[in-house]
Amino acid sequence: AGGSLRLSCVASGRPFSGYTMAWFRQAPGKEREF
């Protein structure tokens, strides 16, 4: 707790710049959330 992380997501297969990108997460026992 109190620390930091940086997540990366690399896209391939199609042009990238025109895409809206997002991160979601799902905690144990919970629904996936924005």
PDB file of all heavy atoms in Angstrom:
ATOM      1  N   ALA A   1       0.828  -1.197   0.000  1.00  0.00           N
ATOM      2  CA  ALA A   1       0.000   0.000   0.000  1.00  0.00           C
ATOM      3  C   ALA A   1       0.866   1.252   0.000  1.00  0.00           C
ATOM      4  O   ALA A   1       1.868   1.326   0.714  1.00  0.00           O
ATOM      5  CB  ALA A   1      -0.932  -0.001   1.205  1.00  0.00           C
ATOM      6  N   GLY A   2       0.465   2.216  -0.806  1.00  0.00           N
ATOM      7  CA  GLY A   2       1.235   3.436  -0.965  1.00  0.00           C
ATOM      8  C   GLY A   2       2.211   3.403  -2.115  1.00  0.00           C
ATOM      9  O   GLY A   2       2.748   4.453  -2.495  1.00  0.00           O
ATOM     10  N   GLY A   3       2.423   2.237  -2.688  1.00  0.00           N
ATOM     11  CA  GLY A   3       3.354   2.091  -3.785  1.00  0.00           C
ATOM     12  C   GLY A   3       2.735   2.421  -5.125  1.00  0.00           C
ATOM     13  O   GLY A   3       1.577   2.834  -5.224  1.00  0.00           O
ATOM     14  N   SER A   4       3.528   2.202  -6.176  1.00  0.00           N
ATOM     15  CA  SER A   4       3.116   2.554  -7.531  1.00  0.00           C
ATOM     16  C   SER A   4       3.397   1.423  -8.504  1.00  0.00           C
ATOM     17  O   SER A   4       4.305   0.610  -8.299  1.00  0.00           O
ATOM     18  CB  SER A   4       3.861   3.805  -8.013  1.00  0.00           C
ATOM     19  OG  SER A   4       3.590   4.930  -7.196  1.00  0.00           O
ATOM     20  N   LEU A   5       2.607   1.389  -9.553  1.00  0.00           N
ATOM     21  CA  LEU A   5       2.813   0.492 -10.674  1.00  0.00           C
ATOM     22  C   LEU A   5       2.433   1.220 -11.949  1.00  0.00           C
ATOM     23  O   LEU A   5       1.589   2.115 -11.926  1.00  0.00           O
ATOM     24  CB  LEU A   5       1.966  -0.778 -10.552  1.00  0.00           C
ATOM     25  CG  LEU A   5       2.365  -1.831  -9.524  1.00  0.00           C
ATOM     26  CD1 LEU A   5       1.279  -2.908  -9.454  1.00  0.00           C
ATOM     27  CD2 LEU A   5       3.706  -2.457  -9.885  1.00  0.00           C
ATOM     28  N   ARG A   6       3.044   0.823 -13.054  1.00  0.00           N
ATOM     29  CA  ARG A   6       2.647   1.333 -14.350  1.00  0.00           C
ATOM     30  C   ARG A   6       2.291   0.171 -15.260  1.00  0.00           C
ATOM     31  O   ARG A   6       3.135  -0.679 -15.549  1.00  0.00           O
ATOM     32  CB  ARG A   6       3.739   2.176 -15.007  1.00  0.00           C
ATOM     33  CG  ARG A   6       3.239   2.879 -16.276  1.00  0.00           C
ATOM     34  CD  ARG A   6       4.272   3.768 -16.919  1.00  0.00           C
ATOM     35  NE  ARG A   6       5.290   3.007 -17.636  1.00  0.00           N
ATOM     36  CZ  ARG A   6       6.048   3.512 -18.607  1.00  0.00           C
ATOM     37  NH1 ARG A   6       5.902   4.783 -18.976  1.00  0.00           N
ATOM     38  NH2 ARG A   6       6.957   2.752 -19.190  1.00  0.00           N
ATOM     39  N   LEU A   7       1.054   0.148 -15.703  1.00  0.00           N
ATOM     40  CA  LEU A   7       0.587  -0.863 -16.624  1.00  0.00           C
ATOM     41  C   LEU A   7       0.753  -0.388 -18.057  1.00  0.00           C
ATOM     42  O   LEU A   7       0.599   0.796 -18.349  1.00  0.00           O
ATOM     43  CB  LEU A   7      -0.883  -1.195 -16.373  1.00  0.00           C
ATOM     44  CG  LEU A   7      -1.270  -1.604 -14.950  1.00  0.00           C
ATOM     45  CD1 LEU A   7      -2.749  -1.969 -14.904  1.00  0.00           C
ATOM     46  CD2 LEU A   7      -0.409  -2.755 -14.453  1.00  0.00           C
ATOM     47  N   SER A   8       1.050  -1.323 -18.940  1.00  0.00           N
ATOM     48  CA  SER A   8       1.181  -1.022 -20.354  1.00  0.00           C
ATOM     49  C   SER A   8       0.272  -1.946 -21.147  1.00  0.00           C
ATOM     50  O   SER A   8       0.045  -3.090 -20.766  1.00  0.00           O
ATOM     51  CB  SER A   8       2.626  -1.214 -20.827  1.00  0.00           C
ATOM     52  OG  SER A   8       3.509  -0.352 -20.148  1.00  0.00           O
ATOM     53  N   CYS A   9      -0.226  -1.440 -22.250  1.00  0.00           N
ATOM     54  CA  CYS A   9      -1.052  -2.226 -23.153  1.00  0.00           C
ATOM     55  C   CYS A   9      -0.611  -1.925 -24.572  1.00  0.00           C
ATOM     56  O   CYS A   9      -0.713  -0.786 -25.029  1.00  0.00           O
ATOM     57  CB  CYS A   9      -2.532  -1.891 -22.962  1.00  0.00           C
ATOM     58  SG  CYS A   9      -3.641  -2.667 -24.166  1.00  0.00           S
ATOM     59  N   VAL A  10      -0.136  -2.943 -25.257  1.00  0.00           N
ATOM     60  CA  VAL A  10       0.330  -2.803 -26.629  1.00  0.00           C
ATOM     61  C   VAL A  10      -0.727  -3.362 -27.573  1.00  0.00           C
ATOM     62  O   VAL A  10      -1.180  -4.492 -27.401  1.00  0.00           O
ATOM     63  CB  VAL A  10       1.665  -3.524 -26.841  1.00  0.00           C
ATOM     64  CG1 VAL A  10       2.117  -3.381 -28.294  1.00  0.00           C
ATOM     65  CG2 VAL A  10       2.723  -2.962 -25.905  1.00  0.00           C
ATOM     66  N   ALA A  11      -1.103  -2.565 -28.557  1.00  0.00           N
ATOM     67  CA  ALA A  11      -2.113  -2.957 -29.529  1.00  0.00           C
ATOM     68  C   ALA A  11      -1.466  -3.317 -30.854  1.00  0.00           C
ATOM     69  O   ALA A  11      -0.514  -2.672 -31.299  1.00  0.00           O
ATOM     70  CB  ALA A  11      -3.119  -1.835 -29.737  1.00  0.00           C
ATOM     71  N   SER A  12      -1.990  -4.343 -31.489  1.00  0.00           N
ATOM     72  CA  SER A  12      -1.491  -4.750 -32.792  1.00  0.00           C
ATOM     73  C   SER A  12      -2.644  -5.189 -33.673  1.00  0.00           C
ATOM     74  O   SER A  12      -3.721  -5.518 -33.185  1.00  0.00           O
ATOM     75  CB  SER A  12      -0.472  -5.886 -32.653  1.00  0.00           C
ATOM     76  OG  SER A  12      -1.081  -7.045 -32.099  1.00  0.00           O
ATOM     77  N   GLY A  13      -2.413  -5.202 -34.977  1.00  0.00           N
ATOM     78  CA  GLY A  13      -3.393  -5.700 -35.923  1.00  0.00           C
ATOM     79  C   GLY A  13      -4.165  -4.633 -36.680  1.00  0.00           C
ATOM     80  O   GLY A  13      -4.630  -4.889 -37.783  1.00  0.00           O
ATOM     81  N   ARG A  14      -4.318  -3.469 -36.116  1.00  0.00           N
ATOM     82  CA  ARG A  14      -5.057  -2.365 -36.719  1.00  0.00           C
ATOM     83  C   ARG A  14      -4.399  -1.045 -36.349  1.00  0.00           C
ATOM     84  O   ARG A  14      -3.655  -0.982 -35.378  1.00  0.00           O
ATOM     85  CB  ARG A  14      -6.517  -2.357 -36.263  1.00  0.00           C
ATOM     86  CG  ARG A  14      -7.338  -3.561 -36.688  1.00  0.00           C
ATOM     87  CD  ARG A  14      -7.724  -3.477 -38.142  1.00  0.00           C
ATOM     88  NE  ARG A  14      -8.473  -4.650 -38.566  1.00  0.00           N
ATOM     89  CZ  ARG A  14      -9.780  -4.838 -38.378  1.00  0.00           C
ATOM     90  NH1 ARG A  14     -10.503  -3.903 -37.785  1.00  0.00           N
ATOM     91  NH2 ARG A  14     -10.359  -5.952 -38.801  1.00  0.00           N
ATOM     92  N   PRO A  15      -4.713   0.010 -37.112  1.00  0.00           N
ATOM     93  CA  PRO A  15      -4.212   1.324 -36.703  1.00  0.00           C
ATOM     94  C   PRO A  15      -4.655   1.665 -35.289  1.00  0.00           C
ATOM     95  O   PRO A  15      -5.801   1.427 -34.908  1.00  0.00           O
ATOM     96  CB  PRO A  15      -4.829   2.273 -37.734  1.00  0.00           C
ATOM     97  CG  PRO A  15      -5.030   1.427 -38.947  1.00  0.00           C
ATOM     98  CD  PRO A  15      -5.414   0.071 -38.430  1.00  0.00           C
ATOM     99  N   PHE A  16      -3.761   2.246 -34.518  1.00  0.00           N
ATOM    100  CA  PHE A  16      -3.979   2.460 -33.105  1.00  0.00           C
ATOM    101  C   PHE A  16      -4.502   3.845 -32.764  1.00  0.00           C
ATOM    102  O   PHE A  16      -5.316   4.003 -31.860  1.00  0.00           O
ATOM    103  CB  PHE A  16      -2.669   2.196 -32.357  1.00  0.00           C
ATOM    104  CG  PHE A  16      -2.714   2.519 -30.898  1.00  0.00           C
ATOM    105  CD1 PHE A  16      -3.358   1.676 -30.010  1.00  0.00           C
ATOM    106  CD2 PHE A  16      -2.100   3.662 -30.412  1.00  0.00           C
ATOM    107  CE1 PHE A  16      -3.393   1.962 -28.660  1.00  0.00           C
ATOM    108  CE2 PHE A  16      -2.123   3.955 -29.061  1.00  0.00           C
ATOM    109  CZ  PHE A  16      -2.772   3.103 -28.179  1.00  0.00           C
ATOM    110  N   SER A  17      -4.058   4.857 -33.475  1.00  0.00           N
ATOM    111  CA  SER A  17      -4.324   6.230 -33.076  1.00  0.00           C
ATOM    112  C   SER A  17      -5.798   6.588 -33.058  1.00  0.00           C
ATOM    113  O   SER A  17      -6.209   7.461 -32.294  1.00  0.00           O
ATOM    114  CB  SER A  17      -3.563   7.202 -33.982  1.00  0.00           C
ATOM    115  OG  SER A  17      -3.983   7.074 -35.332  1.00  0.00           O
ATOM    116  N   GLY A  18      -6.610   5.953 -33.867  1.00  0.00           N
ATOM    117  CA  GLY A  18      -8.024   6.268 -33.927  1.00  0.00           C
ATOM    118  C   GLY A  18      -8.885   5.543 -32.902  1.00  0.00           C
ATOM    119  O   GLY A  18     -10.095   5.771 -32.850  1.00  0.00           O
ATOM    120  N   TYR A  19      -8.295   4.698 -32.107  1.00  0.00           N
ATOM    121  CA  TYR A  19      -9.041   3.908 -31.142  1.00  0.00           C
ATOM    122  C   TYR A  19      -9.147   4.622 -29.808  1.00  0.00           C
ATOM    123  O   TYR A  19      -8.167   5.179 -29.313  1.00  0.00           O
ATOM    124  CB  TYR A  19      -8.361   2.562 -30.905  1.00  0.00           C
ATOM    125  CG  TYR A  19      -8.532   1.554 -32.020  1.00  0.00           C
ATOM    126  CD1 TYR A  19      -7.994   1.773 -33.269  1.00  0.00           C
ATOM    127  CD2 TYR A  19      -9.230   0.372 -31.785  1.00  0.00           C
ATOM    128  CE1 TYR A  19      -8.146   0.841 -34.279  1.00  0.00           C
ATOM    129  CE2 TYR A  19      -9.382  -0.564 -32.792  1.00  0.00           C
ATOM    130  CZ  TYR A  19      -8.840  -0.328 -34.034  1.00  0.00           C
ATOM    131  OH  TYR A  19      -8.994  -1.266 -35.030  1.00  0.00           O
ATOM    132  N   THR A  20     -10.338   4.589 -29.230  1.00  0.00           N
ATOM    133  CA  THR A  20     -10.476   4.952 -27.827  1.00  0.00           C
ATOM    134  C   THR A  20     -10.003   3.770 -26.982  1.00  0.00           C
ATOM    135  O   THR A  20     -10.386   2.631 -27.233  1.00  0.00           O
ATOM    136  CB  THR A  20     -11.924   5.297 -27.489  1.00  0.00           C
ATOM    137  OG1 THR A  20     -12.308   6.467 -28.218  1.00  0.00           O
ATOM    138  CG2 THR A  20     -12.088   5.554 -25.999  1.00  0.00           C
ATOM    139  N   MET A  21      -9.174   4.055 -26.002  1.00  0.00           N
ATOM    140  CA  MET A  21      -8.603   3.019 -25.163  1.00  0.00           C
ATOM    141  C   MET A  21      -9.072   3.192 -23.730  1.00  0.00           C
ATOM    142  O   MET A  21      -9.321   4.310 -23.271  1.00  0.00           O
ATOM    143  CB  MET A  21      -7.076   3.061 -25.215  1.00  0.00           C
ATOM    144  CG  MET A  21      -6.490   2.987 -26.614  1.00  0.00           C
ATOM    145  SD  MET A  21      -6.804   1.391 -27.417  1.00  0.00           S
ATOM    146  CE  MET A  21      -5.893   0.278 -26.335  1.00  0.00           C
ATOM    147  N   ALA A  22      -9.162   2.089 -23.020  1.00  0.00           N
ATOM    148  CA  ALA A  22      -9.659   2.140 -21.653  1.00  0.00           C
ATOM    149  C   ALA A  22      -9.037   1.046 -20.812  1.00  0.00           C
ATOM    150  O   ALA A  22      -8.508   0.058 -21.327  1.00  0.00           O
ATOM    151  CB  ALA A  22     -11.183   2.015 -21.626  1.00  0.00           C
ATOM    152  N   TRP A  23      -9.125   1.253 -19.514  1.00  0.00           N
ATOM    153  CA  TRP A  23      -8.749   0.251 -18.533  1.00  0.00           C
ATOM    154  C   TRP A  23      -9.948  -0.063 -17.660  1.00  0.00           C
ATOM    155  O   TRP A  23     -10.633   0.844 -17.176  1.00  0.00           O
ATOM    156  CB  TRP A  23      -7.600   0.728 -17.645  1.00  0.00           C
ATOM    157  CG  TRP A  23      -6.280   0.838 -18.347  1.00  0.00           C
ATOM    158  CD1 TRP A  23      -5.740   1.944 -18.913  1.00  0.00           C
ATOM    159  CD2 TRP A  23      -5.330  -0.212 -18.534  1.00  0.00           C
ATOM    160  NE1 TRP A  23      -4.511   1.648 -19.448  1.00  0.00           N
ATOM    161  CE2 TRP A  23      -4.236   0.334 -19.231  1.00  0.00           C
ATOM    162  CE3 TRP A  23      -5.299  -1.564 -18.172  1.00  0.00           C
ATOM    163  CZ2 TRP A  23      -3.109  -0.420 -19.578  1.00  0.00           C
ATOM    164  CZ3 TRP A  23      -4.189  -2.318 -18.527  1.00  0.00           C
ATOM    165  CH2 TRP A  23      -3.115  -1.740 -19.218  1.00  0.00           C
ATOM    166  N   PHE A  24     -10.199  -1.333 -17.462  1.00  0.00           N
ATOM    167  CA  PHE A  24     -11.187  -1.825 -16.522  1.00  0.00           C
ATOM    168  C   PHE A  24     -10.492  -2.731 -15.525  1.00  0.00           C
ATOM    169  O   PHE A  24      -9.376  -3.193 -15.768  1.00  0.00           O
ATOM    170  CB  PHE A  24     -12.298  -2.604 -17.239  1.00  0.00           C
ATOM    171  CG  PHE A  24     -13.229  -1.756 -18.057  1.00  0.00           C
ATOM    172  CD1 PHE A  24     -12.836  -1.254 -19.288  1.00  0.00           C
ATOM    173  CD2 PHE A  24     -14.507  -1.469 -17.605  1.00  0.00           C
ATOM    174  CE1 PHE A  24     -13.693  -0.474 -20.048  1.00  0.00           C
ATOM    175  CE2 PHE A  24     -15.375  -0.694 -18.354  1.00  0.00           C
ATOM    176  CZ  PHE A  24     -14.971  -0.197 -19.572  1.00  0.00           C
ATOM    177  N   ARG A  25     -11.154  -2.992 -14.425  1.00  0.00           N
ATOM    178  CA  ARG A  25     -10.594  -3.922 -13.458  1.00  0.00           C
ATOM    179  C   ARG A  25     -11.707  -4.732 -12.823  1.00  0.00           C
ATOM    180  O   ARG A  25     -12.864  -4.322 -12.796  1.00  0.00           O
ATOM    181  CB  ARG A  25      -9.787  -3.200 -12.378  1.00  0.00           C
ATOM    182  CG  ARG A  25     -10.617  -2.343 -11.432  1.00  0.00           C
ATOM    183  CD  ARG A  25      -9.726  -1.556 -10.491  1.00  0.00           C
ATOM    184  NE  ARG A  25     -10.493  -0.753  -9.555  1.00  0.00           N
ATOM    185  CZ  ARG A  25      -9.968   0.147  -8.738  1.00  0.00           C
ATOM    186  NH1 ARG A  25      -8.642   0.351  -8.742  1.00  0.00           N
ATOM    187  NH2 ARG A  25     -10.747   0.836  -7.913  1.00  0.00           N
ATOM    188  N   GLN A  26     -11.337  -5.886 -12.308  1.00  0.00           N
ATOM    189  CA  GLN A  26     -12.286  -6.749 -11.645  1.00  0.00           C
ATOM    190  C   GLN A  26     -11.656  -7.287 -10.371  1.00  0.00           C
ATOM    191  O   GLN A  26     -10.680  -8.031 -10.417  1.00  0.00           O
ATOM    192  CB  GLN A  26     -12.718  -7.901 -12.552  1.00  0.00           C
ATOM    193  CG  GLN A  26     -13.832  -8.751 -11.975  1.00  0.00           C
ATOM    194  CD  GLN A  26     -14.421  -9.692 -13.003  1.00  0.00           C
ATOM    195  OE1 GLN A  26     -13.768 -10.058 -13.977  1.00  0.00           O
ATOM    196  NE2 GLN A  26     -15.667 -10.084 -12.803  1.00  0.00           N
ATOM    197  N   ALA A  27     -12.220  -6.880  -9.255  1.00  0.00           N
ATOM    198  CA  ALA A  27     -11.759  -7.348  -7.963  1.00  0.00           C
ATOM    199  C   ALA A  27     -12.438  -8.671  -7.631  1.00  0.00           C
ATOM    200  O   ALA A  27     -13.514  -8.981  -8.159  1.00  0.00           O
ATOM    201  CB  ALA A  27     -12.061  -6.314  -6.885  1.00  0.00           C
ATOM    202  N   PRO A  28     -11.838  -9.466  -6.759  1.00  0.00           N
ATOM    203  CA  PRO A  28     -12.453 -10.739  -6.382  1.00  0.00           C
ATOM    204  C   PRO A  28     -13.868 -10.548  -5.853  1.00  0.00           C
ATOM    205  O   PRO A  28     -14.102  -9.726  -4.970  1.00  0.00           O
ATOM    206  CB  PRO A  28     -11.521 -11.266  -5.292  1.00  0.00           C
ATOM    207  CG  PRO A  28     -10.196 -10.639  -5.603  1.00  0.00           C
ATOM    208  CD  PRO A  28     -10.534  -9.267  -6.119  1.00  0.00           C
ATOM    209  N   GLY A  29     -14.807 -11.290  -6.405  1.00  0.00           N
ATOM    210  CA  GLY A  29     -16.184 -11.221  -5.957  1.00  0.00           C
ATOM    211  C   GLY A  29     -16.969 -10.020  -6.434  1.00  0.00           C
ATOM    212  O   GLY A  29     -18.118  -9.835  -6.012  1.00  0.00           O
ATOM    213  N   LYS A  30     -16.385  -9.205  -7.296  1.00  0.00           N
ATOM    214  CA  LYS A  30     -17.064  -8.012  -7.774  1.00  0.00           C
ATOM    215  C   LYS A  30     -17.201  -8.027  -9.293  1.00  0.00           C
ATOM    216  O   LYS A  30     -16.530  -8.786  -9.990  1.00  0.00           O
ATOM    217  CB  LYS A  30     -16.314  -6.753  -7.342  1.00  0.00           C
ATOM    218  CG  LYS A  30     -16.312  -6.504  -5.845  1.00  0.00           C
ATOM    219  CD  LYS A  30     -15.682  -5.166  -5.520  1.00  0.00           C
ATOM    220  CE  LYS A  30     -15.745  -4.850  -4.045  1.00  0.00           C
ATOM    221  NZ  LYS A  30     -15.153  -3.514  -3.745  1.00  0.00           N
ATOM    222  N   GLU A  31     -18.085  -7.165  -9.770  1.00  0.00           N
ATOM    223  CA  GLU A  31     -18.247  -6.991 -11.205  1.00  0.00           C
ATOM    224  C   GLU A  31     -17.072  -6.207 -11.776  1.00  0.00           C
ATOM    225  O   GLU A  31     -16.401  -5.451 -11.071  1.00  0.00           O
ATOM    226  CB  GLU A  31     -19.554  -6.260 -11.504  1.00  0.00           C
ATOM    227  CG  GLU A  31     -20.810  -6.974 -11.039  1.00  0.00           C
ATOM    228  CD  GLU A  31     -21.134  -8.167 -11.898  1.00  0.00           C
ATOM    229  OE1 GLU A  31     -20.783  -8.162 -13.095  1.00  0.00           O
ATOM    230  OE2 GLU A  31     -21.731  -9.120 -11.378  1.00  0.00           O
ATOM    231  N   ARG A  32     -16.843  -6.387 -13.049  1.00  0.00           N
ATOM    232  CA  ARG A  32     -15.824  -5.605 -13.717  1.00  0.00           C
ATOM    233  C   ARG A  32     -16.244  -4.140 -13.729  1.00  0.00           C
ATOM    234  O   ARG A  32     -17.396  -3.820 -14.016  1.00  0.00           O
ATOM    235  CB  ARG A  32     -15.617  -6.112 -15.143  1.00  0.00           C
ATOM    236  CG  ARG A  32     -14.478  -5.431 -15.885  1.00  0.00           C
ATOM    237  CD  ARG A  32     -14.144  -6.171 -17.165  1.00  0.00           C
ATOM    238  NE  ARG A  32     -15.271  -6.231 -18.074  1.00  0.00           N
ATOM    239  CZ  ARG A  32     -15.303  -6.962 -19.175  1.00  0.00           C
ATOM    240  NH1 ARG A  32     -14.264  -7.730 -19.487  1.00  0.00           N
ATOM    241  NH2 ARG A  32     -16.371  -6.946 -19.951  1.00  0.00           N
ATOM    242  N   GLU A  33     -15.318  -3.252 -13.408  1.00  0.00           N
ATOM    243  CA  GLU A  33     -15.638  -1.844 -13.301  1.00  0.00           C
ATOM    244  C   GLU A  33     -14.680  -0.986 -14.120  1.00  0.00           C
ATOM    245  O   GLU A  33     -13.519  -1.331 -14.336  1.00  0.00           O
ATOM    246  CB  GLU A  33     -15.610  -1.387 -11.834  1.00  0.00           C
ATOM    247  CG  GLU A  33     -14.239  -1.438 -11.192  1.00  0.00           C
ATOM    248  CD  GLU A  33     -14.227  -0.877  -9.780  1.00  0.00           C
ATOM    249  OE1 GLU A  33     -15.254  -0.327  -9.345  1.00  0.00           O
ATOM    250  OE2 GLU A  33     -13.180  -0.997  -9.106  1.00  0.00           O
ATOM    251  N   PHE A  34     -15.195   0.139 -14.525  1.00  0.00           N
ATOM    252  CA  PHE A  34     -14.425   1.100 -15.287  1.00  0.00           C
ATOM    253  C   PHE A  34     -13.366   1.759 -14.426  1.00  0.00           C
ATOM    254  O   PHE A  34     -13.617   2.095 -13.268  1.00  0.00           O
ATOM    255  CB  PHE A  34     -15.367   2.160 -15.865  1.00  0.00           C
ATOM    256  CG  PHE A  34     -14.666   3.315 -16.512  1.00  0.00           C
ATOM    257  CD1 PHE A  34     -14.171   3.221 -17.802  1.00  0.00           C
ATOM    258  CD2 PHE A  34     -14.507   4.510 -15.835  1.00  0.00           C
ATOM    259  CE1 PHE A  34     -13.533   4.283 -18.402  1.00  0.00           C
ATOM    260  CE2 PHE A  34     -13.875   5.580 -16.423  1.00  0.00           C
ATOM    261  CZ  PHE A  34     -13.382   5.462 -17.713  1.00  0.00           C
TER     262      PHE A  34
END
